[in-house]
Amino acid sequence: MSARIKVAVLIVFVLCFFLWPSRKFFAQEKGGAMALRITSPDFSDGEVIPKKFTCDAQDVSPKLEWKGPPANTESFALIMDDPDAPGGTWVHWVLYDVPADGRELPEKLPSQEQLASGSRQGRNDFGKIGYGGPCPPPGKPHRYFFKLYALDTKLNLKPGVTKADLERTMKSHIVAQAELVGKYGR
């Protein structure tokens, strides 16, 4: 193999190695689609959820931010649950009909059926409307999944629905989804 070919192969390898993880090959300005992504300034994916957002303290919802929804998004839905709960998956938050132009949920979202934005909240497994923070029994830390769904319609469900109701209704309307996982233990 000539030196020129070796150099060309090396350059291609280096570009793939350094640019592929950052998705620069697929940046929106190049015409590619950006994937839906959810984050929180309060904790990173896979890290510990601060005590403030749990039943051991203020039990307020964390700030959540997202970007990269598909162009045909008409609304968002969010489910937070704990698959490590002793009796099976425990639902902590059900939120839907979040406006398509929304890109964040503020910290300490009020626990009311309908929010000023038109978003609606369902019933969690604590039997309450809105957010119920991590509250695991002593032992191994639990994982809490914040699952964001971009939908191609506004669902117009009545306030107070369950996770099962929401999942059944949105099943054929999901155009993208993303998740953020936090941990908390006692």
C-alpha atoms as a PDB file:
ATOM      1  CA  MET A   1       0.000   0.000   0.000  1.00  0.00           C
ATOM      2  CA  SER A   2       1.420   3.382  -0.942  1.00  0.00           C
ATOM      3  CA  ALA A   3       2.156   6.064   1.634  1.00  0.00           C
ATOM      4  CA  ARG A   4      -0.588   8.264   0.138  1.00  0.00           C
ATOM      5  CA  ILE A   5      -3.265   5.609   0.664  1.00  0.00           C
ATOM      6  CA  LYS A   6      -2.033   4.950   4.201  1.00  0.00           C
ATOM      7  CA  VAL A   7      -2.285   8.662   5.032  1.00  0.00           C
ATOM      8  CA  ALA A   8      -5.779   8.896   3.494  1.00  0.00           C
ATOM      9  CA  VAL A   9      -6.969   5.848   5.470  1.00  0.00           C
ATOM     10  CA  LEU A  10      -5.475   7.290   8.649  1.00  0.00           C
ATOM     11  CA  ILE A  11      -7.217  10.648   8.094  1.00  0.00           C
ATOM     12  CA  VAL A  12     -10.577   8.956   7.487  1.00  0.00           C
ATOM     13  CA  PHE A  13     -10.112   6.842  10.618  1.00  0.00           C
ATOM     14  CA  VAL A  14      -9.215   9.869  12.760  1.00  0.00           C
ATOM     15  CA  LEU A  15     -12.193  11.869  11.448  1.00  0.00           C
ATOM     16  CA  CYS A  16     -14.602   8.993  12.088  1.00  0.00           C
ATOM     17  CA  PHE A  17     -13.182   8.371  15.553  1.00  0.00           C
ATOM     18  CA  PHE A  18     -13.393  11.986  16.697  1.00  0.00           C
ATOM     19  CA  LEU A  19     -16.482  13.236  14.861  1.00  0.00           C
ATOM     20  CA  TRP A  20     -18.848  10.251  15.018  1.00  0.00           C
ATOM     21  CA  PRO A  21     -19.440  10.381  18.831  1.00  0.00           C
ATOM     22  CA  SER A  22     -20.253  14.081  18.641  1.00  0.00           C
ATOM     23  CA  ARG A  23     -22.688  13.442  15.764  1.00  0.00           C
ATOM     24  CA  LYS A  24     -21.141  16.284  13.774  1.00  0.00           C
ATOM     25  CA  PHE A  25     -21.655  14.183  10.663  1.00  0.00           C
ATOM     26  CA  PHE A  26     -25.375  14.462  11.290  1.00  0.00           C
ATOM     27  CA  ALA A  27     -25.743  18.009  12.609  1.00  0.00           C
ATOM     28  CA  GLN A  28     -28.937  19.828  11.644  1.00  0.00           C
ATOM     29  CA  GLU A  29     -27.036  22.385   9.598  1.00  0.00           C
ATOM     30  CA  LYS A  30     -25.937  19.485   7.370  1.00  0.00           C
ATOM     31  CA  GLY A  31     -29.578  18.556   6.826  1.00  0.00           C
ATOM     32  CA  GLY A  32     -29.727  15.611   9.246  1.00  0.00           C
ATOM     33  CA  ALA A  33     -32.242  15.223  12.041  1.00  0.00           C
ATOM     34  CA  MET A  34     -31.238  15.827  15.632  1.00  0.00           C
ATOM     35  CA  ALA A  35     -32.459  13.199  18.099  1.00  0.00           C
ATOM     36  CA  LEU A  36     -34.799  14.125  20.947  1.00  0.00           C
ATOM     37  CA  ARG A  37     -32.810  14.543  24.154  1.00  0.00           C
ATOM     38  CA  ILE A  38     -33.884  15.281  27.754  1.00  0.00           C
ATOM     39  CA  THR A  39     -31.567  16.666  30.449  1.00  0.00           C
ATOM     40  CA  SER A  40     -31.710  18.350  33.832  1.00  0.00           C
ATOM     41  CA  PRO A  41     -29.421  21.039  35.229  1.00  0.00           C
ATOM     42  CA  ASP A  42     -30.003  19.409  38.628  1.00  0.00           C
ATOM     43  CA  PHE A  43     -28.435  15.996  37.891  1.00  0.00           C
ATOM     44  CA  SER A  44     -26.773  14.176  35.014  1.00  0.00           C
ATOM     45  CA  ASP A  45     -27.985  10.986  33.379  1.00  0.00           C
ATOM     46  CA  GLY A  46     -27.176   8.027  35.646  1.00  0.00           C
ATOM     47  CA  GLU A  47     -26.274  10.236  38.608  1.00  0.00           C
ATOM     48  CA  VAL A  48     -27.899  10.821  42.017  1.00  0.00           C
ATOM     49  CA  ILE A  49     -31.048  12.943  42.188  1.00  0.00           C
ATOM     50  CA  PRO A  50     -30.491  15.654  44.819  1.00  0.00           C
ATOM     51  CA  LYS A  51     -32.391  15.167  48.100  1.00  0.00           C
ATOM     52  CA  LYS A  52     -34.383  18.372  47.457  1.00  0.00           C
ATOM     53  CA  PHE A  53     -36.405  16.508  44.814  1.00  0.00           C
ATOM     54  CA  THR A  54     -37.298  13.567  47.094  1.00  0.00           C
ATOM     55  CA  CYS A  55     -39.735  12.786  49.895  1.00  0.00           C
ATOM     56  CA  ASP A  56     -36.826  13.260  52.316  1.00  0.00           C
ATOM     57  CA  ALA A  57     -36.847  17.022  51.677  1.00  0.00           C
ATOM     58  CA  GLN A  58     -38.996  19.474  49.664  1.00  0.00           C
ATOM     59  CA  ASP A  59     -40.301  16.832  47.224  1.00  0.00           C
ATOM     60  CA  VAL A  60     -40.463  19.302  44.318  1.00  0.00           C
ATOM     61  CA  SER A  61     -40.013  18.391  40.667  1.00  0.00           C
ATOM     62  CA  PRO A  62     -36.598  19.064  39.113  1.00  0.00           C
ATOM     63  CA  LYS A  63     -36.142  21.349  36.149  1.00  0.00           C
ATOM     64  CA  LEU A  64     -36.147  19.367  32.904  1.00  0.00           C
ATOM     65  CA  GLU A  65     -35.021  20.578  29.492  1.00  0.00           C
ATOM     66  CA  TRP A  66     -35.186  18.994  26.047  1.00  0.00           C
ATOM     67  CA  LYS A  67     -34.185  19.632  22.481  1.00  0.00           C
ATOM     68  CA  GLY A  68     -34.374  17.996  19.086  1.00  0.00           C
ATOM     69  CA  PRO A  69     -38.064  17.136  18.700  1.00  0.00           C
ATOM     70  CA  PRO A  70     -39.235  16.057  15.238  1.00  0.00           C
ATOM     71  CA  ALA A  71     -40.904  18.731  13.104  1.00  0.00           C
ATOM     72  CA  ASN A  72     -44.283  16.960  13.304  1.00  0.00           C
ATOM     73  CA  THR A  73     -44.429  17.132  17.109  1.00  0.00           C
ATOM     74  CA  GLU A  74     -47.824  18.435  18.283  1.00  0.00           C
ATOM     75  CA  SER A  75     -47.358  17.828  22.029  1.00  0.00           C
ATOM     76  CA  PHE A  76     -45.143  16.120  24.599  1.00  0.00           C
ATOM     77  CA  ALA A  77     -45.862  13.650  27.394  1.00  0.00           C
ATOM     78  CA  LEU A  78     -43.661  12.696  30.335  1.00  0.00           C
ATOM     79  CA  ILE A  79     -43.717   9.668  32.606  1.00  0.00           C
ATOM     80  CA  MET A  80     -41.431   9.251  35.607  1.00  0.00           C
ATOM     81  CA  ASP A  81     -41.292   5.820  37.173  1.00  0.00           C
ATOM     82  CA  ASP A  82     -39.189   3.533  39.358  1.00  0.00           C
ATOM     83  CA  PRO A  83     -38.788  -0.013  38.004  1.00  0.00           C
ATOM     84  CA  ASP A  84     -36.872  -1.045  41.152  1.00  0.00           C
ATOM     85  CA  ALA A  85     -39.781  -0.613  43.579  1.00  0.00           C
ATOM     86  CA  PRO A  86     -40.447  -3.743  45.683  1.00  0.00           C
ATOM     87  CA  GLY A  87     -43.978  -4.320  44.354  1.00  0.00           C
ATOM     88  CA  GLY A  88     -43.158  -3.587  40.703  1.00  0.00           C
ATOM     89  CA  THR A  89     -42.792  -0.356  38.752  1.00  0.00           C
ATOM     90  CA  TRP A  90     -43.944   2.662  40.794  1.00  0.00           C
ATOM     91  CA  VAL A  91     -45.274   5.692  38.916  1.00  0.00           C
ATOM     92  CA  HIS A  92     -44.069   9.056  40.220  1.00  0.00           C
ATOM     93  CA  TRP A  93     -45.333  11.467  37.576  1.00  0.00           C
ATOM     94  CA  VAL A  94     -47.698  11.542  34.599  1.00  0.00           C
ATOM     95  CA  LEU A  95     -47.764  14.710  32.473  1.00  0.00           C
ATOM     96  CA  TYR A  96     -49.248  15.216  28.997  1.00  0.00           C
ATOM     97  CA  ASP A  97     -50.474  17.768  26.459  1.00  0.00           C
ATOM     98  CA  VAL A  98     -47.291  19.764  27.025  1.00  0.00           C
ATOM     99  CA  PRO A  99     -47.274  22.325  24.177  1.00  0.00           C
ATOM    100  CA  ALA A 100     -45.141  21.443  21.143  1.00  0.00           C
ATOM    101  CA  ASP A 101     -43.158  24.687  21.435  1.00  0.00           C
ATOM    102  CA  GLY A 102     -42.203  23.898  25.045  1.00  0.00           C
ATOM    103  CA  ARG A 103     -38.578  22.993  25.703  1.00  0.00           C
ATOM    104  CA  GLU A 104     -38.536  22.832  29.490  1.00  0.00           C
ATOM    105  CA  LEU A 105     -40.438  22.208  32.673  1.00  0.00           C
ATOM    106  CA  PRO A 106     -39.527  24.537  35.519  1.00  0.00           C
ATOM    107  CA  GLU A 107     -38.480  23.335  38.938  1.00  0.00           C
ATOM    108  CA  LYS A 108     -41.359  22.970  41.420  1.00  0.00           C
ATOM    109  CA  LEU A 109     -44.151  22.480  38.899  1.00  0.00           C
ATOM    110  CA  PRO A 110     -47.448  22.948  40.783  1.00  0.00           C
ATOM    111  CA  SER A 111     -49.359  19.784  41.721  1.00  0.00           C
ATOM    112  CA  GLN A 112     -52.554  20.694  39.921  1.00  0.00           C
ATOM    113  CA  GLU A 113     -54.557  18.933  37.229  1.00  0.00           C
ATOM    114  CA  GLN A 114     -54.148  21.590  34.538  1.00  0.00           C
ATOM    115  CA  LEU A 115     -51.256  24.016  34.301  1.00  0.00           C
ATOM    116  CA  ALA A 116     -51.275  27.541  32.861  1.00  0.00           C
ATOM    117  CA  SER A 117     -49.561  26.218  29.695  1.00  0.00           C
ATOM    118  CA  GLY A 118     -52.477  23.845  29.046  1.00  0.00           C
ATOM    119  CA  SER A 119     -50.417  20.834  30.144  1.00  0.00           C
ATOM    120  CA  ARG A 120     -52.304  18.277  32.201  1.00  0.00           C
ATOM    121  CA  GLN A 121     -51.126  16.040  34.998  1.00  0.00           C
ATOM    122  CA  GLY A 122     -52.214  12.550  35.827  1.00  0.00           C
ATOM    123  CA  ARG A 123     -52.394  10.543  39.018  1.00  0.00           C
ATOM    124  CA  ASN A 124     -49.226   8.951  40.359  1.00  0.00           C
ATOM    125  CA  ASP A 125     -49.005   5.776  42.459  1.00  0.00           C
ATOM    126  CA  PHE A 126     -49.064   7.872  45.643  1.00  0.00           C
ATOM    127  CA  GLY A 127     -52.666   8.587  44.646  1.00  0.00           C
ATOM    128  CA  LYS A 128     -51.908  12.261  44.015  1.00  0.00           C
ATOM    129  CA  ILE A 129     -51.913  14.579  41.011  1.00  0.00           C
ATOM    130  CA  GLY A 130     -48.509  15.699  39.755  1.00  0.00           C
ATOM    131  CA  TYR A 131     -44.990  14.916  40.868  1.00  0.00           C
ATOM    132  CA  GLY A 132     -44.138  12.574  43.713  1.00  0.00           C
ATOM    133  CA  GLY A 133     -40.396  12.362  44.249  1.00  0.00           C
ATOM    134  CA  PRO A 134     -38.183   9.387  44.950  1.00  0.00           C
ATOM    135  CA  CYS A 135     -39.041   7.719  48.252  1.00  0.00           C
ATOM    136  CA  PRO A 136     -37.444   4.256  48.223  1.00  0.00           C
ATOM    137  CA  PRO A 137     -37.188   1.917  51.185  1.00  0.00           C
ATOM    138  CA  PRO A 138     -33.729   1.612  52.785  1.00  0.00           C
ATOM    139  CA  GLY A 139     -31.275  -0.455  50.759  1.00  0.00           C
ATOM    140  CA  LYS A 140     -29.888  -0.379  47.272  1.00  0.00           C
ATOM    141  CA  PRO A 141     -30.488   2.899  45.366  1.00  0.00           C
ATOM    142  CA  HIS A 142     -33.400   2.866  42.933  1.00  0.00           C
ATOM    143  CA  ARG A 143     -33.401   4.127  39.346  1.00  0.00           C
ATOM    144  CA  TYR A 144     -35.894   6.796  38.307  1.00  0.00           C
ATOM    145  CA  PHE A 145     -36.701   7.072  34.599  1.00  0.00           C
ATOM    146  CA  PHE A 146     -37.916  10.404  33.219  1.00  0.00           C
ATOM    147  CA  LYS A 147     -39.351   9.330  29.842  1.00  0.00           C
ATOM    148  CA  LEU A 148     -40.204  12.122  27.404  1.00  0.00           C
ATOM    149  CA  TYR A 149     -42.405  11.388  24.387  1.00  0.00           C
ATOM    150  CA  ALA A 150     -42.874  13.622  21.337  1.00  0.00           C
ATOM    151  CA  LEU A 151     -46.378  13.014  19.974  1.00  0.00           C
ATOM    152  CA  ASP A 152     -47.975  13.795  16.626  1.00  0.00           C
ATOM    153  CA  THR A 153     -51.194  14.970  18.299  1.00  0.00           C
ATOM    154  CA  LYS A 154     -52.525  16.636  21.414  1.00  0.00           C
ATOM    155  CA  LEU A 155     -54.219  13.878  23.415  1.00  0.00           C
ATOM    156  CA  ASN A 156     -56.948  15.938  25.117  1.00  0.00           C
ATOM    157  CA  LEU A 157     -57.349  13.377  27.899  1.00  0.00           C
ATOM    158  CA  LYS A 158     -59.105  14.554  31.022  1.00  0.00           C
ATOM    159  CA  PRO A 159     -56.794  15.498  33.897  1.00  0.00           C
ATOM    160  CA  GLY A 160     -55.953  12.790  36.408  1.00  0.00           C
ATOM    161  CA  VAL A 161     -55.415   9.818  34.081  1.00  0.00           C
ATOM    162  CA  THR A 162     -53.049   7.004  35.015  1.00  0.00           C
ATOM    163  CA  LYS A 163     -49.826   5.952  33.324  1.00  0.00           C
ATOM    164  CA  ALA A 164     -51.663   2.998  31.752  1.00  0.00           C
ATOM    165  CA  ASP A 165     -54.359   5.312  30.307  1.00  0.00           C
ATOM    166  CA  LEU A 166     -51.712   7.641  28.896  1.00  0.00           C
ATOM    167  CA  GLU A 167     -49.619   4.846  27.392  1.00  0.00           C
ATOM    168  CA  ARG A 168     -52.652   3.228  25.773  1.00  0.00           C
ATOM    169  CA  THR A 169     -53.786   6.525  24.235  1.00  0.00           C
ATOM    170  CA  MET A 170     -50.408   7.756  22.996  1.00  0.00           C
ATOM    171  CA  LYS A 171     -49.153   4.373  21.745  1.00  0.00           C
ATOM    172  CA  SER A 172     -49.754   5.053  18.037  1.00  0.00           C
ATOM    173  CA  HIS A 173     -48.785   8.748  18.270  1.00  0.00           C
ATOM    174  CA  ILE A 174     -45.171   8.560  19.496  1.00  0.00           C
ATOM    175  CA  VAL A 175     -42.798  10.105  16.947  1.00  0.00           C
ATOM    176  CA  ALA A 176     -39.724  10.246  19.225  1.00  0.00           C
ATOM    177  CA  GLN A 177     -38.753   9.509  22.783  1.00  0.00           C
ATOM    178  CA  ALA A 178     -35.873  10.175  25.141  1.00  0.00           C
ATOM    179  CA  GLU A 179     -35.074   9.335  28.721  1.00  0.00           C
ATOM    180  CA  LEU A 180     -33.077  10.641  31.632  1.00  0.00           C
ATOM    181  CA  VAL A 181     -32.263   8.297  34.515  1.00  0.00           C
ATOM    182  CA  GLY A 182     -31.510   9.428  38.042  1.00  0.00           C
ATOM    183  CA  LYS A 183     -30.736   7.387  41.142  1.00  0.00           C
ATOM    184  CA  TYR A 184     -31.694   7.779  44.760  1.00  0.00           C
ATOM    185  CA  GLY A 185     -31.247   5.600  47.811  1.00  0.00           C
ATOM    186  CA  ARG A 186     -31.449   5.724  51.574  1.00  0.00           C
END
